[in-house]
């Protein structure tokens, strides 16, 4: 489903328009700066974006932040790959980006939202996220897959 929405504030715009998404910036940031996707190759970022609802935050000089949501648009959403470039932090852009994600009409009425973070718990608590009961959620992961190759 292609959803095109835009939110504007003080010279910035959050857009879900796939044509506005700078995947080179996203891949570079995720591969080099993130703790959760070190070494992620461009083709994987492109496939992930293609299967997600993407939120790109643009300033006067181009894209400065990103978030994506993996969802069935009916019951479940996984908020992933949220970042603000270092030069644009401290301006409330990350909070605004998550506000836009949570306000997106196509993501309303879902039973469950999930995300994973090691350092932004307070940001997400503002939007109703909380730690689940221990031992209730399970996962299977291979954190070094991008470093080893597929």
Protein backbone atom coordinates (compact mmCIF):
# COMPACT_ATOMS: atom_id res chain seq x y z
CA UNK A 1 0.00 0.00 0.00
CA UNK A 2 1.44 3.37 -0.97
CA UNK A 3 0.48 6.04 1.51
CA UNK A 4 1.51 9.64 0.85
CA UNK A 5 1.16 11.99 3.80
CA UNK A 6 3.00 15.18 4.77
CA UNK A 7 3.37 17.19 7.95
CA UNK A 8 5.05 20.63 8.01
CA UNK A 9 6.66 22.65 10.79
CA UNK A 10 9.13 25.55 10.87
CA UNK A 11 10.75 24.87 7.50
CA UNK A 12 10.78 21.09 7.94
CA UNK A 13 8.54 18.46 6.37
CA UNK A 14 7.90 14.83 7.23
CA UNK A 15 6.82 12.91 4.15
CA UNK A 16 5.82 9.34 3.40
CA UNK A 17 6.26 9.95 -0.33
CA UNK A 18 8.65 7.24 -1.58
CA UNK A 19 10.01 9.67 -4.19
CA UNK A 20 11.35 11.94 -1.41
CA UNK A 21 13.22 9.18 0.42
CA UNK A 22 17.03 9.42 0.36
CA UNK A 23 17.98 5.75 0.66
CA UNK A 24 21.68 6.54 0.25
CA UNK A 25 21.56 8.66 3.42
CA UNK A 26 19.48 6.04 5.24
CA UNK A 27 21.80 3.18 4.34
CA UNK A 28 24.93 5.14 5.14
CA UNK A 29 23.59 6.24 8.53
CA UNK A 30 22.31 2.79 9.48
CA UNK A 31 25.49 1.02 8.36
CA UNK A 32 27.93 3.50 9.92
CA UNK A 33 26.15 5.18 12.84
CA UNK A 34 23.47 2.87 14.23
CA UNK A 35 24.07 0.23 16.87
CA UNK A 36 21.36 -2.05 15.47
CA UNK A 37 22.24 -2.31 11.76
CA UNK A 38 26.02 -1.96 11.51
CA UNK A 39 27.21 -2.86 8.04
CA UNK A 40 23.73 -3.21 6.52
CA UNK A 41 24.13 -3.33 2.73
CA UNK A 42 22.24 -1.04 0.34
CA UNK A 43 20.12 -3.82 -1.18
CA UNK A 44 18.80 -4.82 2.26
CA UNK A 45 17.91 -1.21 3.13
CA UNK A 46 16.13 -0.87 -0.19
CA UNK A 47 14.11 -4.07 0.33
CA UNK A 48 13.25 -3.06 3.91
CA UNK A 49 12.06 0.35 2.73
CA UNK A 50 10.02 -1.20 -0.08
CA UNK A 51 8.18 -3.38 2.48
CA UNK A 52 7.56 -0.53 4.95
CA UNK A 53 5.77 2.76 5.39
CA UNK A 54 8.68 5.24 5.39
CA UNK A 55 8.79 8.62 7.10
CA UNK A 56 11.54 10.96 5.83
CA UNK A 57 12.10 14.25 7.61
CA UNK A 58 13.50 16.94 5.32
CA UNK A 59 15.00 20.33 6.12
CA UNK A 60 16.12 23.05 3.73
CA UNK A 61 19.24 21.04 2.80
CA UNK A 62 17.63 17.61 2.36
CA UNK A 63 16.73 14.63 4.49
CA UNK A 64 17.84 14.83 8.14
CA UNK A 65 15.86 12.05 9.85
CA UNK A 66 14.06 8.80 9.15
CA UNK A 67 11.69 6.23 10.59
CA UNK A 68 9.94 3.27 9.05
CA UNK A 69 6.96 1.20 10.08
CA UNK A 70 6.42 -2.43 9.18
CA UNK A 71 2.68 -3.01 9.40
CA UNK A 72 -0.32 -4.94 8.20
CA UNK A 73 -2.41 -1.71 8.52
CA UNK A 74 -4.97 -3.63 10.57
CA UNK A 75 -3.57 -5.00 13.84
CA UNK A 76 0.20 -4.56 14.18
CA UNK A 77 3.08 -2.12 13.58
CA UNK A 78 6.82 -2.33 14.22
CA UNK A 79 8.52 1.07 14.46
CA UNK A 80 12.11 0.70 13.25
CA UNK A 81 15.25 2.48 12.11
CA UNK A 82 14.41 5.80 13.76
CA UNK A 83 17.25 8.31 13.61
CA UNK A 84 18.08 12.00 13.38
CA UNK A 85 21.41 12.96 11.87
CA UNK A 86 23.92 14.22 14.41
CA UNK A 87 23.93 17.78 13.07
CA UNK A 88 20.16 18.09 13.58
CA UNK A 89 19.78 16.64 17.06
CA UNK A 90 18.62 18.71 20.00
CA UNK A 91 15.88 20.50 18.06
CA UNK A 92 12.96 18.21 18.93
CA UNK A 93 12.94 16.70 15.44
CA UNK A 94 13.02 13.10 16.69
CA UNK A 95 10.04 13.73 18.93
CA UNK A 96 8.17 15.43 16.08
CA UNK A 97 9.02 12.57 13.70
CA UNK A 98 7.56 10.02 16.12
CA UNK A 99 4.51 12.27 16.64
CA UNK A 100 3.94 12.20 12.88
CA UNK A 101 4.29 8.41 12.77
CA UNK A 102 1.84 7.98 15.63
CA UNK A 103 -0.63 10.47 14.06
CA UNK A 104 -0.61 8.85 10.62
CA UNK A 105 -4.26 8.01 9.82
CA UNK A 106 -3.35 4.63 8.28
CA UNK A 107 -1.72 3.57 11.56
CA UNK A 108 -4.68 4.30 13.84
CA UNK A 109 -6.69 1.59 15.58
CA UNK A 110 -3.89 -0.96 15.63
CA UNK A 111 -3.83 -3.38 18.54
CA UNK A 112 -0.04 -3.52 18.94
CA UNK A 113 2.96 -1.32 18.25
CA UNK A 114 6.43 -2.63 18.99
CA UNK A 115 9.90 -1.15 18.82
CA UNK A 116 13.35 -1.85 20.19
CA UNK A 117 15.69 0.71 21.76
CA UNK A 118 18.59 0.77 24.18
CA UNK A 119 18.70 4.52 24.74
CA UNK A 120 15.42 6.28 23.90
CA UNK A 121 12.93 4.81 26.37
CA UNK A 122 11.83 8.21 27.65
CA UNK A 123 11.07 9.46 24.15
CA UNK A 124 8.84 6.49 23.38
CA UNK A 125 7.11 6.44 26.78
CA UNK A 126 5.59 9.81 25.83
CA UNK A 127 3.68 7.96 23.13
CA UNK A 128 2.44 5.14 25.34
CA UNK A 129 5.18 2.59 24.77
CA UNK A 130 6.21 0.51 27.78
CA UNK A 131 8.42 -2.48 28.48
CA UNK A 132 6.46 -5.73 28.08
CA UNK A 133 6.21 -8.43 30.67
CA UNK A 134 9.49 -10.31 30.95
CA UNK A 135 9.65 -13.55 28.99
CA UNK A 136 6.48 -12.81 27.06
CA UNK A 137 8.05 -11.66 23.81
CA UNK A 138 10.41 -13.95 21.94
CA UNK A 139 12.69 -13.26 19.04
CA UNK A 140 15.14 -14.96 16.75
CA UNK A 141 18.00 -12.75 15.64
CA UNK A 142 21.36 -12.83 13.91
CA UNK A 143 22.94 -9.45 14.81
CA UNK A 144 26.12 -10.03 12.78
CA UNK A 145 24.51 -11.10 9.49
CA UNK A 146 25.48 -7.89 7.67
CA UNK A 147 29.07 -8.11 8.88
CA UNK A 148 29.44 -11.74 7.68
CA UNK A 149 27.47 -11.37 4.48
CA UNK A 150 24.51 -13.51 3.52
